[in-house]
């Protein structure tokens, strides 16, 4: 793959990448809070099997 355009990256694209990274970090942080602080986890296999019967 070759790059056809050369020159500096626009600030809009840099800001978009930074915003996407911030959303990714925030979702990881919130997922960690749910799992470790509040104990929200996937149900055990026995409990899941009961739901399908």
N, C-alpha and C. Protein backbone atom coordinates (compact mmCIF):
# COMPACT_ATOMS: atom_id res chain seq x y z
N UNK A 1 0.85 -1.16 0.00
CA UNK A 1 0.00 0.00 0.00
C UNK A 1 0.90 1.23 0.00
N UNK A 2 0.63 2.14 -0.89
CA UNK A 2 1.45 3.35 -0.96
C UNK A 2 0.62 4.56 -0.58
N UNK A 3 1.29 5.52 -0.02
CA UNK A 3 0.62 6.76 0.37
C UNK A 3 0.69 7.72 -0.81
N UNK A 4 -0.43 8.26 -1.23
CA UNK A 4 -0.44 9.14 -2.39
C UNK A 4 -0.31 10.60 -2.00
N UNK A 5 -0.60 10.93 -0.76
CA UNK A 5 -0.56 12.31 -0.31
C UNK A 5 0.57 12.48 0.68
N UNK A 6 1.29 13.54 0.58
CA UNK A 6 2.32 13.81 1.58
C UNK A 6 2.03 15.16 2.22
N UNK A 7 2.59 15.35 3.38
CA UNK A 7 2.37 16.60 4.09
C UNK A 7 1.90 16.33 5.50
N UNK A 8 1.69 17.39 6.22
CA UNK A 8 1.29 17.22 7.62
C UNK A 8 -0.14 16.71 7.76
N UNK A 9 -0.38 16.03 8.84
CA UNK A 9 -1.72 15.53 9.15
C UNK A 9 -2.57 16.69 9.67
N UNK A 10 -3.81 16.76 9.24
CA UNK A 10 -4.67 17.86 9.68
C UNK A 10 -5.02 17.71 11.15
N UNK A 11 -5.21 18.83 11.81
CA UNK A 11 -5.53 18.81 13.24
C UNK A 11 -6.88 18.17 13.52
N UNK A 12 -7.78 18.21 12.55
CA UNK A 12 -9.07 17.57 12.73
C UNK A 12 -8.95 16.06 12.88
N UNK A 13 -8.06 15.46 12.08
CA UNK A 13 -7.86 14.01 12.18
C UNK A 13 -7.15 13.64 13.47
N UNK A 14 -6.23 14.48 13.91
CA UNK A 14 -5.54 14.23 15.18
C UNK A 14 -6.55 14.32 16.33
N UNK A 15 -7.43 15.32 16.29
CA UNK A 15 -8.45 15.47 17.32
C UNK A 15 -9.42 14.29 17.32
N UNK A 16 -9.79 13.82 16.14
CA UNK A 16 -10.68 12.66 16.04
C UNK A 16 -10.03 11.42 16.63
N UNK A 17 -8.75 11.22 16.36
CA UNK A 17 -8.03 10.07 16.94
C UNK A 17 -7.93 10.19 18.45
N UNK A 18 -7.68 11.40 18.95
CA UNK A 18 -7.60 11.61 20.40
C UNK A 18 -8.95 11.35 21.06
N UNK A 19 -10.04 11.79 20.42
CA UNK A 19 -11.37 11.56 20.97
C UNK A 19 -11.70 10.06 20.99
N UNK A 20 -11.34 9.35 19.94
CA UNK A 20 -11.58 7.91 19.89
C UNK A 20 -10.79 7.19 20.97
N UNK A 21 -9.55 7.61 21.19
CA UNK A 21 -8.74 7.01 22.24
C UNK A 21 -9.33 7.30 23.62
N UNK A 22 -9.84 8.52 23.82
CA UNK A 22 -10.45 8.87 25.10
C UNK A 22 -11.69 8.02 25.37
N UNK A 23 -12.50 7.78 24.35
CA UNK A 23 -13.70 6.94 24.50
C UNK A 23 -13.29 5.51 24.83
N UNK A 24 -12.26 5.01 24.19
CA UNK A 24 -11.78 3.66 24.45
C UNK A 24 -11.27 3.51 25.88
N UNK A 25 -10.50 4.49 26.34
CA UNK A 25 -9.99 4.46 27.72
C UNK A 25 -11.14 4.56 28.72
N UNK A 26 -12.10 5.44 28.47
CA UNK A 26 -13.24 5.59 29.37
C UNK A 26 -14.06 4.30 29.45
N UNK A 27 -14.29 3.65 28.32
CA UNK A 27 -15.08 2.41 28.35
C UNK A 27 -14.33 1.31 29.08
N UNK A 28 -13.02 1.25 28.94
CA UNK A 28 -12.24 0.28 29.70
C UNK A 28 -12.28 0.55 31.19
N UNK A 29 -12.21 1.82 31.56
CA UNK A 29 -12.28 2.19 32.97
C UNK A 29 -13.64 1.83 33.57
N UNK A 30 -14.70 2.16 32.85
CA UNK A 30 -16.04 1.85 33.36
C UNK A 30 -16.28 0.35 33.43
N UNK A 31 -15.78 -0.40 32.46
CA UNK A 31 -15.90 -1.86 32.51
C UNK A 31 -15.15 -2.44 33.69
N UNK A 32 -13.98 -1.90 33.99
CA UNK A 32 -13.23 -2.34 35.16
C UNK A 32 -13.96 -2.03 36.44
N UNK A 33 -14.59 -0.86 36.51
CA UNK A 33 -15.36 -0.50 37.70
C UNK A 33 -16.52 -1.48 37.90
N UNK A 34 -17.22 -1.82 36.83
CA UNK A 34 -18.32 -2.77 36.95
C UNK A 34 -17.85 -4.13 37.43
N UNK A 35 -16.73 -4.59 36.90
CA UNK A 35 -16.26 -5.94 37.22
C UNK A 35 -15.64 -6.02 38.61
N UNK A 36 -14.78 -5.10 38.95
CA UNK A 36 -14.00 -5.24 40.17
C UNK A 36 -14.61 -4.52 41.38
N UNK A 37 -15.20 -3.36 41.18
CA UNK A 37 -15.76 -2.64 42.32
C UNK A 37 -17.16 -3.12 42.66
N UNK A 38 -17.99 -3.31 41.62
CA UNK A 38 -19.38 -3.66 41.86
C UNK A 38 -19.67 -5.14 41.68
N UNK A 39 -18.71 -5.92 41.22
CA UNK A 39 -18.88 -7.36 41.13
C UNK A 39 -19.79 -7.84 40.02
N UNK A 40 -20.01 -7.02 38.99
CA UNK A 40 -20.86 -7.43 37.88
C UNK A 40 -20.03 -8.37 37.00
N UNK A 41 -20.48 -9.60 36.89
CA UNK A 41 -19.73 -10.61 36.12
C UNK A 41 -20.70 -11.48 35.33
N UNK A 42 -20.16 -12.31 34.49
CA UNK A 42 -20.97 -13.27 33.74
C UNK A 42 -21.43 -14.35 34.71
N UNK A 43 -22.66 -14.79 34.56
CA UNK A 43 -23.21 -15.82 35.43
C UNK A 43 -22.46 -17.13 35.21
N UNK A 44 -22.43 -17.97 36.25
CA UNK A 44 -21.78 -19.27 36.15
C UNK A 44 -22.47 -20.16 35.14
N UNK A 45 -21.78 -21.21 34.71
CA UNK A 45 -22.33 -22.08 33.68
C UNK A 45 -23.62 -22.75 34.12
N UNK A 46 -23.70 -23.16 35.37
CA UNK A 46 -24.92 -23.82 35.85
C UNK A 46 -26.11 -22.86 35.78
N UNK A 47 -25.90 -21.62 36.14
CA UNK A 47 -26.97 -20.63 36.09
C UNK A 47 -27.38 -20.34 34.65
N UNK A 48 -26.41 -20.30 33.74
CA UNK A 48 -26.73 -20.04 32.34
C UNK A 48 -27.52 -21.19 31.73
N UNK A 49 -27.19 -22.43 32.10
CA UNK A 49 -27.90 -23.59 31.56
C UNK A 49 -29.36 -23.55 31.99
N UNK A 50 -29.63 -23.14 33.22
CA UNK A 50 -31.01 -23.06 33.71
C UNK A 50 -31.83 -22.09 32.88
N UNK A 51 -31.21 -21.03 32.40
CA UNK A 51 -31.92 -20.05 31.59
C UNK A 51 -32.32 -20.56 30.23
N UNK A 52 -31.67 -21.59 29.73
CA UNK A 52 -31.98 -22.13 28.41
C UNK A 52 -32.94 -23.31 28.47
N UNK A 53 -33.32 -23.73 29.64
CA UNK A 53 -34.25 -24.87 29.76
C UNK A 53 -35.68 -24.41 29.77
